[in-house]
Amino acid sequence: MTDRLSRVFAALADPTRRDMVARLTEADSTVNDLAAPYDVSLQAISKHLKVLEDAGLVSRSREAQRRPVHLEAEVFDLMTKWIERHRQRAEERFSRLDDVVAQMNEDGTTAPATRTPQEGTAS
């Protein structure tokens, strides 16, 4: 998986990482703060953060002794553009389908009945 969008969606496929991202929308946090609600080791949290970091969703900086984790919000623009493009295409497709159904209703025709597998077999 080399494309950035794939890495972002793959990183967000895990519920723990999604929760961490949601919590980072409130404020930057340390690894210890992020680990607090989970019953896992700091090493496991660090691995989750590494996946988020590799996807470009978070970055870590150094402030004296602290190393806060920061959410990189511009990555959401990438996801939003991709989702919006596909949402628009789906809406256009459904709109065309609505037009076809409306035309059929105006013409007084109905959609062909679908047959069950038993109807199509000979006895």
C-alpha atoms as a PDB file:
ATOM      1  CA  MET A   1       0.000   0.000   0.000  1.00  0.00           C
ATOM      2  CA  THR A   2       1.932   2.988  -1.175  1.00  0.00           C
ATOM      3  CA  ASP A   3      -0.754   5.535  -1.865  1.00  0.00           C
ATOM      4  CA  ARG A   4      -1.489   7.901   0.986  1.00  0.00           C
ATOM      5  CA  LEU A   5      -5.267   7.550   0.949  1.00  0.00           C
ATOM      6  CA  SER A   6      -4.981   3.770   1.318  1.00  0.00           C
ATOM      7  CA  ARG A   7      -2.632   4.175   4.273  1.00  0.00           C
ATOM      8  CA  VAL A   8      -5.026   6.625   5.928  1.00  0.00           C
ATOM      9  CA  PHE A   9      -8.074   4.378   5.537  1.00  0.00           C
ATOM     10  CA  ALA A  10      -6.065   1.330   6.646  1.00  0.00           C
ATOM     11  CA  ALA A  11      -4.896   3.193   9.750  1.00  0.00           C
ATOM     12  CA  LEU A  12      -8.463   4.195  10.569  1.00  0.00           C
ATOM     13  CA  ALA A  13      -9.746   0.651  10.105  1.00  0.00           C
ATOM     14  CA  ASP A  14      -8.767  -0.128  13.697  1.00  0.00           C
ATOM     15  CA  PRO A  15     -11.249   1.073  16.375  1.00  0.00           C
ATOM     16  CA  THR A  16      -8.495   1.921  18.868  1.00  0.00           C
ATOM     17  CA  ARG A  17      -6.756   4.162  16.348  1.00  0.00           C
ATOM     18  CA  ARG A  18     -10.069   5.794  15.380  1.00  0.00           C
ATOM     19  CA  ASP A  19     -10.703   6.516  19.053  1.00  0.00           C
ATOM     20  CA  MET A  20      -7.219   7.963  19.463  1.00  0.00           C
ATOM     21  CA  VAL A  21      -7.779  10.244  16.456  1.00  0.00           C
ATOM     22  CA  ALA A  22     -11.139  11.334  17.876  1.00  0.00           C
ATOM     23  CA  ARG A  23      -9.497  12.177  21.194  1.00  0.00           C
ATOM     24  CA  LEU A  24      -6.746  14.120  19.427  1.00  0.00           C
ATOM     25  CA  THR A  25      -9.379  16.374  17.834  1.00  0.00           C
ATOM     26  CA  GLU A  26      -9.853  17.833  21.327  1.00  0.00           C
ATOM     27  CA  ALA A  27      -6.173  18.548  22.084  1.00  0.00           C
ATOM     28  CA  ASP A  28      -2.647  17.265  21.619  1.00  0.00           C
ATOM     29  CA  SER A  29      -1.797  14.464  24.045  1.00  0.00           C
ATOM     30  CA  THR A  30       1.169  12.530  25.307  1.00  0.00           C
ATOM     31  CA  VAL A  31       1.519   8.804  24.698  1.00  0.00           C
ATOM     32  CA  ASN A  32       0.696   8.200  28.375  1.00  0.00           C
ATOM     33  CA  ASP A  33      -2.482  10.306  28.084  1.00  0.00           C
ATOM     34  CA  LEU A  34      -3.529   8.436  24.954  1.00  0.00           C
ATOM     35  CA  ALA A  35      -2.817   5.064  26.597  1.00  0.00           C
ATOM     36  CA  ALA A  36      -4.823   5.796  29.762  1.00  0.00           C
ATOM     37  CA  PRO A  37      -8.260   4.454  28.694  1.00  0.00           C
ATOM     38  CA  TYR A  38      -6.913   1.233  27.189  1.00  0.00           C
ATOM     39  CA  ASP A  39      -5.916  -1.971  28.908  1.00  0.00           C
ATOM     40  CA  VAL A  40      -2.838  -2.440  26.714  1.00  0.00           C
ATOM     41  CA  SER A  41       0.877  -1.764  27.082  1.00  0.00           C
ATOM     42  CA  LEU A  42       2.550   1.509  26.164  1.00  0.00           C
ATOM     43  CA  GLN A  43       4.379  -0.475  23.498  1.00  0.00           C
ATOM     44  CA  ALA A  44       1.033  -1.393  21.874  1.00  0.00           C
ATOM     45  CA  ILE A  45      -0.075   2.260  21.971  1.00  0.00           C
ATOM     46  CA  SER A  46       3.254   3.271  20.427  1.00  0.00           C
ATOM     47  CA  LYS A  47       2.680   0.791  17.605  1.00  0.00           C
ATOM     48  CA  HIS A  48      -0.776   2.261  16.980  1.00  0.00           C
ATOM     49  CA  LEU A  49       0.755   5.739  16.936  1.00  0.00           C
ATOM     50  CA  LYS A  50       3.425   4.595  14.485  1.00  0.00           C
ATOM     51  CA  VAL A  51       0.707   3.408  12.078  1.00  0.00           C
ATOM     52  CA  LEU A  52      -1.106   6.755  12.442  1.00  0.00           C
ATOM     53  CA  GLU A  53       2.165   8.611  11.961  1.00  0.00           C
ATOM     54  CA  ASP A  54       3.122   6.592   8.856  1.00  0.00           C
ATOM     55  CA  ALA A  55      -0.296   7.424   7.392  1.00  0.00           C
ATOM     56  CA  GLY A  56       0.286  11.127   8.048  1.00  0.00           C
ATOM     57  CA  LEU A  57      -2.585  11.402  10.521  1.00  0.00           C
ATOM     58  CA  VAL A  58      -0.438  12.416  13.489  1.00  0.00           C
ATOM     59  CA  SER A  59       2.968  13.904  14.175  1.00  0.00           C
ATOM     60  CA  ARG A  60       5.083  14.076  17.298  1.00  0.00           C
ATOM     61  CA  SER A  61       7.010  17.092  18.446  1.00  0.00           C
ATOM     62  CA  ARG A  62       9.327  17.764  21.333  1.00  0.00           C
ATOM     63  CA  GLU A  63       8.456  20.340  23.993  1.00  0.00           C
ATOM     64  CA  ALA A  64      11.105  20.142  26.717  1.00  0.00           C
ATOM     65  CA  GLN A  65      10.557  16.679  28.282  1.00  0.00           C
ATOM     66  CA  ARG A  66       7.187  16.136  26.632  1.00  0.00           C
ATOM     67  CA  ARG A  67       6.606  14.613  23.201  1.00  0.00           C
ATOM     68  CA  PRO A  68       3.003  15.537  22.417  1.00  0.00           C
ATOM     69  CA  VAL A  69       1.112  13.804  19.634  1.00  0.00           C
ATOM     70  CA  HIS A  70      -0.538  16.242  17.230  1.00  0.00           C
ATOM     71  CA  LEU A  71      -3.386  15.493  14.819  1.00  0.00           C
ATOM     72  CA  GLU A  72      -2.603  16.521  11.228  1.00  0.00           C
ATOM     73  CA  ALA A  73      -6.040  17.798  10.231  1.00  0.00           C
ATOM     74  CA  GLU A  74      -5.175  18.406   6.554  1.00  0.00           C
ATOM     75  CA  VAL A  75      -5.283  14.642   6.001  1.00  0.00           C
ATOM     76  CA  PHE A  76      -9.026  14.861   6.563  1.00  0.00           C
ATOM     77  CA  ASP A  77      -9.237  17.093   3.479  1.00  0.00           C
ATOM     78  CA  LEU A  78      -7.773  14.247   1.411  1.00  0.00           C
ATOM     79  CA  MET A  79     -10.366  11.802   2.748  1.00  0.00           C
ATOM     80  CA  THR A  80     -13.215  14.297   2.467  1.00  0.00           C
ATOM     81  CA  LYS A  81     -12.450  15.055  -1.188  1.00  0.00           C
ATOM     82  CA  TRP A  82     -12.354  11.344  -2.041  1.00  0.00           C
ATOM     83  CA  ILE A  83     -15.594  10.619  -0.158  1.00  0.00           C
ATOM     84  CA  GLU A  84     -17.366  13.656  -1.599  1.00  0.00           C
ATOM     85  CA  ARG A  85     -16.394  12.748  -5.177  1.00  0.00           C
ATOM     86  CA  HIS A  86     -17.842   9.243  -4.786  1.00  0.00           C
ATOM     87  CA  ARG A  87     -20.900  10.489  -2.902  1.00  0.00           C
ATOM     88  CA  GLN A  88     -21.687  12.866  -5.777  1.00  0.00           C
ATOM     89  CA  ARG A  89     -21.334  10.085  -8.337  1.00  0.00           C
ATOM     90  CA  ALA A  90     -23.658   7.830  -6.334  1.00  0.00           C
ATOM     91  CA  GLU A  91     -26.223  10.611  -5.977  1.00  0.00           C
ATOM     92  CA  GLU A  92     -26.108  11.260  -9.730  1.00  0.00           C
ATOM     93  CA  ARG A  93     -26.657   7.554 -10.391  1.00  0.00           C
ATOM     94  CA  PHE A  94     -29.628   7.399  -8.020  1.00  0.00           C
ATOM     95  CA  SER A  95     -31.044  10.564  -9.548  1.00  0.00           C
ATOM     96  CA  ARG A  96     -30.924   8.964 -13.005  1.00  0.00           C
ATOM     97  CA  LEU A  97     -32.626   5.871 -11.587  1.00  0.00           C
ATOM     98  CA  ASP A  98     -35.328   8.081 -10.032  1.00  0.00           C
ATOM     99  CA  ASP A  99     -35.865   9.681 -13.457  1.00  0.00           C
ATOM    100  CA  VAL A 100     -36.275   6.263 -15.106  1.00  0.00           C
ATOM    101  CA  VAL A 101     -38.766   5.118 -12.452  1.00  0.00           C
ATOM    102  CA  ALA A 102     -40.725   8.381 -12.744  1.00  0.00           C
ATOM    103  CA  GLN A 103     -40.851   8.015 -16.542  1.00  0.00           C
ATOM    104  CA  MET A 104     -42.054   4.427 -16.197  1.00  0.00           C
ATOM    105  CA  ASN A 105     -44.820   5.561 -13.839  1.00  0.00           C
ATOM    106  CA  GLU A 106     -45.878   8.319 -16.248  1.00  0.00           C
ATOM    107  CA  ASP A 107     -46.026   5.826 -19.123  1.00  0.00           C
ATOM    108  CA  GLY A 108     -48.112   3.475 -17.021  1.00  0.00           C
ATOM    109  CA  THR A 109     -45.553   0.741 -17.257  1.00  0.00           C
ATOM    110  CA  THR A 110     -44.094  -1.150 -14.388  1.00  0.00           C
ATOM    111  CA  ALA A 111     -40.762  -2.745 -13.863  1.00  0.00           C
ATOM    112  CA  PRO A 112     -40.598  -6.360 -15.026  1.00  0.00           C
ATOM    113  CA  ALA A 113     -41.341  -8.834 -12.275  1.00  0.00           C
ATOM    114  CA  THR A 114     -38.375 -10.768 -11.056  1.00  0.00           C
ATOM    115  CA  ARG A 115     -38.634 -14.521 -11.112  1.00  0.00           C
ATOM    116  CA  THR A 116     -37.617 -16.747  -8.294  1.00  0.00           C
ATOM    117  CA  PRO A 117     -35.200 -19.570  -9.191  1.00  0.00           C
ATOM    118  CA  GLN A 118     -38.016 -22.124  -8.893  1.00  0.00           C
ATOM    119  CA  GLU A 119     -40.122 -20.351 -11.534  1.00  0.00           C
ATOM    120  CA  GLY A 120     -37.322 -20.528 -14.069  1.00  0.00           C
ATOM    121  CA  THR A 121     -36.714 -24.279 -13.802  1.00  0.00           C
ATOM    122  CA  ALA A 122     -38.561 -26.985 -15.701  1.00  0.00           C
ATOM    123  CA  SER A 123     -40.158 -29.872 -13.800  1.00  0.00           C
END
